[in-house]
Amino acid sequence: MSNIIVITAPSASGKTTLIKKYMSNHPNALFSVSYTTRAIRDGEVDGRDYYFIDVQKFEEMISEDLFIEWAKVHDNYYGTAISELEKANDNQVLILDIDIQGALYLKEKKIEAKYIFIEPPSIDSLKERLISRGSETEESIKLRLWNAKRELEYKDRFDIIIKNEDIDTAYRELENTINN
């Protein structure tokens, strides 16, 4: 069994909530902190949720081959540094919260991991969640919903699909998948 868990989902599918719940219940698990050029949201902490950097620094890291994967999503860069994969030992799981492009890239590169796709209950529920965040413009919501429809077409390429209709049920399924 691989100790790397790759979790992906369309924006606002509940992926971050599920991961945070898993992390709080499993102190032995490690979280791979990704880099991004997007603005920090209320409640996020630099170095815990993401490493928030500017475009110039991100592009320097690309040119220095410091990422195992990176992508431009919703007009921002996101990436996982190679050094993040070295965090976990045999007694720990390392959870990567990455976008669908990045997850598929890792799978194609034959990075040994469990690849989990969190599926939203519906596009309408995604729209409601994005609006309730209060951090999205009408334009960014349209872009994220358009991308979500496209991303859902790739769900069957993942090892496990967890439909997040009920957060507690989805969590139990995620926990069982990671722990077994």
C-alpha atoms as a PDB file:
ATOM      1  CA  MET A   1       0.000   0.000   0.000  1.00  0.00           C
ATOM      2  CA  SER A   2       1.198   3.424  -0.855  1.00  0.00           C
ATOM      3  CA  ASN A   3       1.381   5.999   1.889  1.00  0.00           C
ATOM      4  CA  ILE A   4       0.476   8.785  -0.564  1.00  0.00           C
ATOM      5  CA  ILE A   5      -3.198   9.712  -0.885  1.00  0.00           C
ATOM      6  CA  VAL A   6      -4.191  12.026  -3.740  1.00  0.00           C
ATOM      7  CA  ILE A   7      -7.580  13.673  -3.238  1.00  0.00           C
ATOM      8  CA  THR A   8      -9.174  15.782  -5.926  1.00  0.00           C
ATOM      9  CA  ALA A   9     -12.554  17.297  -6.723  1.00  0.00           C
ATOM     10  CA  PRO A  10     -14.238  20.135  -8.547  1.00  0.00           C
ATOM     11  CA  SER A  11     -14.202  23.424  -6.630  1.00  0.00           C
ATOM     12  CA  ALA A  12     -16.637  23.496  -3.654  1.00  0.00           C
ATOM     13  CA  SER A  13     -17.221  19.719  -3.593  1.00  0.00           C
ATOM     14  CA  GLY A  14     -16.305  19.512   0.096  1.00  0.00           C
ATOM     15  CA  LYS A  15     -12.812  18.135  -0.430  1.00  0.00           C
ATOM     16  CA  THR A  16     -11.097  20.534   1.984  1.00  0.00           C
ATOM     17  CA  THR A  17     -13.716  19.937   4.693  1.00  0.00           C
ATOM     18  CA  LEU A  18     -13.284  16.169   4.373  1.00  0.00           C
ATOM     19  CA  ILE A  19      -9.482  16.409   4.460  1.00  0.00           C
ATOM     20  CA  LYS A  20      -9.493  18.700   7.511  1.00  0.00           C
ATOM     21  CA  LYS A  21     -11.798  16.294   9.348  1.00  0.00           C
ATOM     22  CA  TYR A  22      -9.535  13.361   8.478  1.00  0.00           C
ATOM     23  CA  MET A  23      -6.435  15.270   9.584  1.00  0.00           C
ATOM     24  CA  SER A  24      -8.023  16.223  12.931  1.00  0.00           C
ATOM     25  CA  ASN A  25      -8.991  12.588  13.606  1.00  0.00           C
ATOM     26  CA  HIS A  26      -5.666  11.132  12.465  1.00  0.00           C
ATOM     27  CA  PRO A  27      -2.733  13.112  13.921  1.00  0.00           C
ATOM     28  CA  ASN A  28      -0.360  10.644  12.260  1.00  0.00           C
ATOM     29  CA  ALA A  29      -1.444  11.895   8.800  1.00  0.00           C
ATOM     30  CA  LEU A  30       0.545  14.622   7.092  1.00  0.00           C
ATOM     31  CA  PHE A  31      -0.797  17.259   4.740  1.00  0.00           C
ATOM     32  CA  SER A  32       1.145  18.178   1.629  1.00  0.00           C
ATOM     33  CA  VAL A  33       0.998  21.960   1.427  1.00  0.00           C
ATOM     34  CA  SER A  34       0.669  23.153  -2.152  1.00  0.00           C
ATOM     35  CA  TYR A  35       1.891  26.413  -3.623  1.00  0.00           C
ATOM     36  CA  THR A  36      -0.551  28.849  -5.204  1.00  0.00           C
ATOM     37  CA  THR A  37      -0.682  32.314  -6.706  1.00  0.00           C
ATOM     38  CA  ARG A  38      -4.323  32.885  -5.738  1.00  0.00           C
ATOM     39  CA  ALA A  39      -5.305  35.327  -3.018  1.00  0.00           C
ATOM     40  CA  ILE A  40      -5.537  34.062   0.534  1.00  0.00           C
ATOM     41  CA  ARG A  41      -9.118  33.538   1.788  1.00  0.00           C
ATOM     42  CA  ASP A  42     -10.466  34.413   5.231  1.00  0.00           C
ATOM     43  CA  GLY A  43      -9.364  31.827   7.771  1.00  0.00           C
ATOM     44  CA  GLU A  44      -6.503  30.459   5.652  1.00  0.00           C
ATOM     45  CA  VAL A  45      -2.956  30.466   6.981  1.00  0.00           C
ATOM     46  CA  ASP A  46       0.138  30.746   4.778  1.00  0.00           C
ATOM     47  CA  GLY A  47       2.225  27.587   5.193  1.00  0.00           C
ATOM     48  CA  ARG A  48      -0.688  25.571   6.567  1.00  0.00           C
ATOM     49  CA  ASP A  49      -3.358  25.763   3.855  1.00  0.00           C
ATOM     50  CA  TYR A  50      -1.085  26.814   0.981  1.00  0.00           C
ATOM     51  CA  TYR A  51       2.175  28.577   0.403  1.00  0.00           C
ATOM     52  CA  PHE A  52       0.877  31.823  -1.096  1.00  0.00           C
ATOM     53  CA  ILE A  53       3.423  33.231  -3.545  1.00  0.00           C
ATOM     54  CA  ASP A  54       3.393  35.598  -6.490  1.00  0.00           C
ATOM     55  CA  VAL A  55       3.411  34.575 -10.143  1.00  0.00           C
ATOM     56  CA  GLN A  56       7.070  35.496 -10.623  1.00  0.00           C
ATOM     57  CA  LYS A  57       8.213  33.233  -7.751  1.00  0.00           C
ATOM     58  CA  PHE A  58       5.969  30.390  -8.987  1.00  0.00           C
ATOM     59  CA  GLU A  59       7.386  30.649 -12.506  1.00  0.00           C
ATOM     60  CA  GLU A  60      10.935  30.636 -11.069  1.00  0.00           C
ATOM     61  CA  MET A  61      10.096  27.390  -9.236  1.00  0.00           C
ATOM     62  CA  ILE A  62       8.761  25.907 -12.491  1.00  0.00           C
ATOM     63  CA  SER A  63      11.967  26.805 -14.332  1.00  0.00           C
ATOM     64  CA  GLU A  64      14.025  25.254 -11.514  1.00  0.00           C
ATOM     65  CA  ASP A  65      12.005  21.972 -11.765  1.00  0.00           C
ATOM     66  CA  LEU A  66      10.934  22.157  -8.119  1.00  0.00           C
ATOM     67  CA  PHE A  67       7.397  20.821  -8.719  1.00  0.00           C
ATOM     68  CA  ILE A  68       6.271  17.203  -9.084  1.00  0.00           C
ATOM     69  CA  GLU A  69       3.113  18.664 -10.648  1.00  0.00           C
ATOM     70  CA  TRP A  70       1.689  22.073 -11.344  1.00  0.00           C
ATOM     71  CA  ALA A  71      -1.175  23.543 -13.308  1.00  0.00           C
ATOM     72  CA  LYS A  72      -2.891  26.803 -14.036  1.00  0.00           C
ATOM     73  CA  VAL A  73      -6.471  26.548 -12.765  1.00  0.00           C
ATOM     74  CA  HIS A  74      -9.059  29.348 -12.541  1.00  0.00           C
ATOM     75  CA  ASP A  75      -6.375  31.825 -13.720  1.00  0.00           C
ATOM     76  CA  ASN A  76      -4.024  30.922 -10.846  1.00  0.00           C
ATOM     77  CA  TYR A  77      -1.072  28.584 -10.532  1.00  0.00           C
ATOM     78  CA  TYR A  78      -1.178  25.614  -8.152  1.00  0.00           C
ATOM     79  CA  GLY A  79       1.618  23.122  -7.611  1.00  0.00           C
ATOM     80  CA  THR A  80       3.123  20.457  -5.369  1.00  0.00           C
ATOM     81  CA  ALA A  81       6.820  20.768  -4.622  1.00  0.00           C
ATOM     82  CA  ILE A  82       8.881  17.597  -4.971  1.00  0.00           C
ATOM     83  CA  SER A  83      10.067  18.143  -1.388  1.00  0.00           C
ATOM     84  CA  GLU A  84       6.486  17.637  -0.108  1.00  0.00           C
ATOM     85  CA  LEU A  85       6.505  13.968  -1.213  1.00  0.00           C
ATOM     86  CA  GLU A  86       9.491  13.337   1.037  1.00  0.00           C
ATOM     87  CA  LYS A  87       7.564  14.277   4.206  1.00  0.00           C
ATOM     88  CA  ALA A  88       5.945  10.933   5.044  1.00  0.00           C
ATOM     89  CA  ASN A  89       7.617   7.850   6.402  1.00  0.00           C
ATOM     90  CA  ASP A  90       6.276   4.289   6.306  1.00  0.00           C
ATOM     91  CA  ASN A  91       4.076   4.833   9.377  1.00  0.00           C
ATOM     92  CA  GLN A  92       2.324   7.907   8.027  1.00  0.00           C
ATOM     93  CA  VAL A  93       0.045   8.835   5.187  1.00  0.00           C
ATOM     94  CA  LEU A  94       0.696  11.952   3.169  1.00  0.00           C
ATOM     95  CA  ILE A  95      -2.436  13.598   1.812  1.00  0.00           C
ATOM     96  CA  LEU A  96      -2.191  15.638  -1.368  1.00  0.00           C
ATOM     97  CA  ASP A  97      -5.118  17.987  -2.002  1.00  0.00           C
ATOM     98  CA  ILE A  98      -4.630  18.811  -5.672  1.00  0.00           C
ATOM     99  CA  ASP A  99      -6.625  19.789  -8.713  1.00  0.00           C
ATOM    100  CA  ILE A 100      -7.792  17.238 -11.237  1.00  0.00           C
ATOM    101  CA  GLN A 101      -5.157  18.157 -13.851  1.00  0.00           C
ATOM    102  CA  GLY A 102      -2.391  17.615 -11.296  1.00  0.00           C
ATOM    103  CA  ALA A 103      -3.851  14.360 -10.014  1.00  0.00           C
ATOM    104  CA  LEU A 104      -4.147  12.933 -13.517  1.00  0.00           C
ATOM    105  CA  TYR A 105      -0.592  14.039 -14.272  1.00  0.00           C
ATOM    106  CA  LEU A 106       0.720  12.180 -11.190  1.00  0.00           C
ATOM    107  CA  LYS A 107      -1.273   9.096 -12.174  1.00  0.00           C
ATOM    108  CA  GLU A 108       0.159   9.221 -15.707  1.00  0.00           C
ATOM    109  CA  LYS A 109       3.677   9.577 -14.240  1.00  0.00           C
ATOM    110  CA  LYS A 110       2.962   6.344 -12.290  1.00  0.00           C
ATOM    111  CA  ILE A 111       3.378   7.990  -8.880  1.00  0.00           C
ATOM    112  CA  GLU A 112       2.240   5.222  -6.525  1.00  0.00           C
ATOM    113  CA  ALA A 113      -0.748   6.491  -4.555  1.00  0.00           C
ATOM    114  CA  LYS A 114      -4.448   6.001  -3.894  1.00  0.00           C
ATOM    115  CA  TYR A 115      -6.285   8.401  -6.186  1.00  0.00           C
ATOM    116  CA  ILE A 116      -9.613   9.600  -4.754  1.00  0.00           C
ATOM    117  CA  PHE A 117     -12.195  11.767  -6.530  1.00  0.00           C
ATOM    118  CA  ILE A 118     -14.766  13.630  -4.415  1.00  0.00           C
ATOM    119  CA  GLU A 119     -17.933  14.049  -6.476  1.00  0.00           C
ATOM    120  CA  PRO A 120     -20.410  16.802  -5.636  1.00  0.00           C
ATOM    121  CA  PRO A 121     -24.115  15.926  -5.324  1.00  0.00           C
ATOM    122  CA  SER A 122     -24.938  18.249  -8.236  1.00  0.00           C
ATOM    123  CA  ILE A 123     -23.796  21.339 -10.133  1.00  0.00           C
ATOM    124  CA  ASP A 124     -26.553  23.317  -8.375  1.00  0.00           C
ATOM    125  CA  SER A 125     -25.132  22.364  -4.972  1.00  0.00           C
ATOM    126  CA  LEU A 126     -21.693  23.519  -6.146  1.00  0.00           C
ATOM    127  CA  LYS A 127     -23.142  26.866  -7.166  1.00  0.00           C
ATOM    128  CA  GLU A 128     -24.778  27.280  -3.735  1.00  0.00           C
ATOM    129  CA  ARG A 129     -21.517  26.418  -1.949  1.00  0.00           C
ATOM    130  CA  LEU A 130     -19.491  28.840  -4.087  1.00  0.00           C
ATOM    131  CA  ILE A 131     -21.966  31.657  -3.435  1.00  0.00           C
ATOM    132  CA  SER A 132     -21.977  30.929   0.309  1.00  0.00           C
ATOM    133  CA  ARG A 133     -18.170  31.261   0.460  1.00  0.00           C
ATOM    134  CA  GLY A 134     -18.628  34.983  -0.102  1.00  0.00           C
ATOM    135  CA  SER A 135     -15.163  35.156  -1.687  1.00  0.00           C
ATOM    136  CA  GLU A 136     -16.128  34.524  -5.304  1.00  0.00           C
ATOM    137  CA  THR A 137     -17.221  36.995  -7.959  1.00  0.00           C
ATOM    138  CA  GLU A 138     -20.091  36.147 -10.295  1.00  0.00           C
ATOM    139  CA  GLU A 139     -17.512  35.671 -13.058  1.00  0.00           C
ATOM    140  CA  SER A 140     -15.333  33.335 -10.974  1.00  0.00           C
ATOM    141  CA  ILE A 141     -18.394  31.280 -10.001  1.00  0.00           C
ATOM    142  CA  LYS A 142     -19.308  30.842 -13.684  1.00  0.00           C
ATOM    143  CA  LEU A 143     -15.725  29.815 -14.480  1.00  0.00           C
ATOM    144  CA  ARG A 144     -15.562  27.326 -11.598  1.00  0.00           C
ATOM    145  CA  LEU A 145     -18.921  25.773 -12.562  1.00  0.00           C
ATOM    146  CA  TRP A 146     -17.847  25.484 -16.209  1.00  0.00           C
ATOM    147  CA  ASN A 147     -14.618  23.810 -15.074  1.00  0.00           C
ATOM    148  CA  ALA A 148     -16.500  21.524 -12.670  1.00  0.00           C
ATOM    149  CA  LYS A 149     -18.688  20.190 -15.474  1.00  0.00           C
ATOM    150  CA  ARG A 150     -15.556  19.446 -17.481  1.00  0.00           C
ATOM    151  CA  GLU A 151     -13.717  17.905 -14.504  1.00  0.00           C
ATOM    152  CA  LEU A 152     -16.587  15.536 -13.717  1.00  0.00           C
ATOM    153  CA  GLU A 153     -15.931  13.866 -17.076  1.00  0.00           C
ATOM    154  CA  TYR A 154     -12.647  12.516 -15.647  1.00  0.00           C
ATOM    155  CA  LYS A 155     -13.967  10.965 -12.416  1.00  0.00           C
ATOM    156  CA  ASP A 156     -13.848   7.405 -13.776  1.00  0.00           C
ATOM    157  CA  ARG A 157     -10.070   7.666 -14.174  1.00  0.00           C
ATOM    158  CA  PHE A 158      -9.642   7.629 -10.384  1.00  0.00           C
ATOM    159  CA  ASP A 159      -9.321   4.594  -8.094  1.00  0.00           C
ATOM    160  CA  ILE A 160     -12.155   5.628  -5.791  1.00  0.00           C
ATOM    161  CA  ILE A 161     -15.122   7.973  -6.303  1.00  0.00           C
ATOM    162  CA  ILE A 162     -16.828   9.306  -3.183  1.00  0.00           C
ATOM    163  CA  LYS A 163     -20.092  11.157  -3.758  1.00  0.00           C
ATOM    164  CA  ASN A 164     -20.422  13.895  -1.153  1.00  0.00           C
ATOM    165  CA  GLU A 165     -24.185  14.106  -0.663  1.00  0.00           C
ATOM    166  CA  ASP A 166     -23.854  13.897   3.116  1.00  0.00           C
ATOM    167  CA  ILE A 167     -20.599  15.043   4.728  1.00  0.00           C
ATOM    168  CA  ASP A 168     -20.632  12.397   7.499  1.00  0.00           C
ATOM    169  CA  THR A 169     -21.259   9.523   5.093  1.00  0.00           C
ATOM    170  CA  ALA A 170     -18.625  10.836   2.677  1.00  0.00           C
ATOM    171  CA  TYR A 171     -16.168  11.186   5.560  1.00  0.00           C
ATOM    172  CA  ARG A 172     -16.679   7.595   6.725  1.00  0.00           C
ATOM    173  CA  GLU A 173     -16.087   6.399   3.173  1.00  0.00           C
ATOM    174  CA  LEU A 174     -12.954   8.544   2.853  1.00  0.00           C
ATOM    175  CA  GLU A 175     -11.594   7.360   6.199  1.00  0.00           C
ATOM    176  CA  ASN A 176     -12.237   3.719   5.289  1.00  0.00           C
ATOM    177  CA  THR A 177     -10.570   4.181   1.898  1.00  0.00           C
ATOM    178  CA  ILE A 178      -7.443   5.795   3.353  1.00  0.00           C
ATOM    179  CA  ASN A 179      -7.084   3.426   6.299  1.00  0.00           C
ATOM    180  CA  ASN A 180      -7.565   0.181   4.369  1.00  0.00           C
END
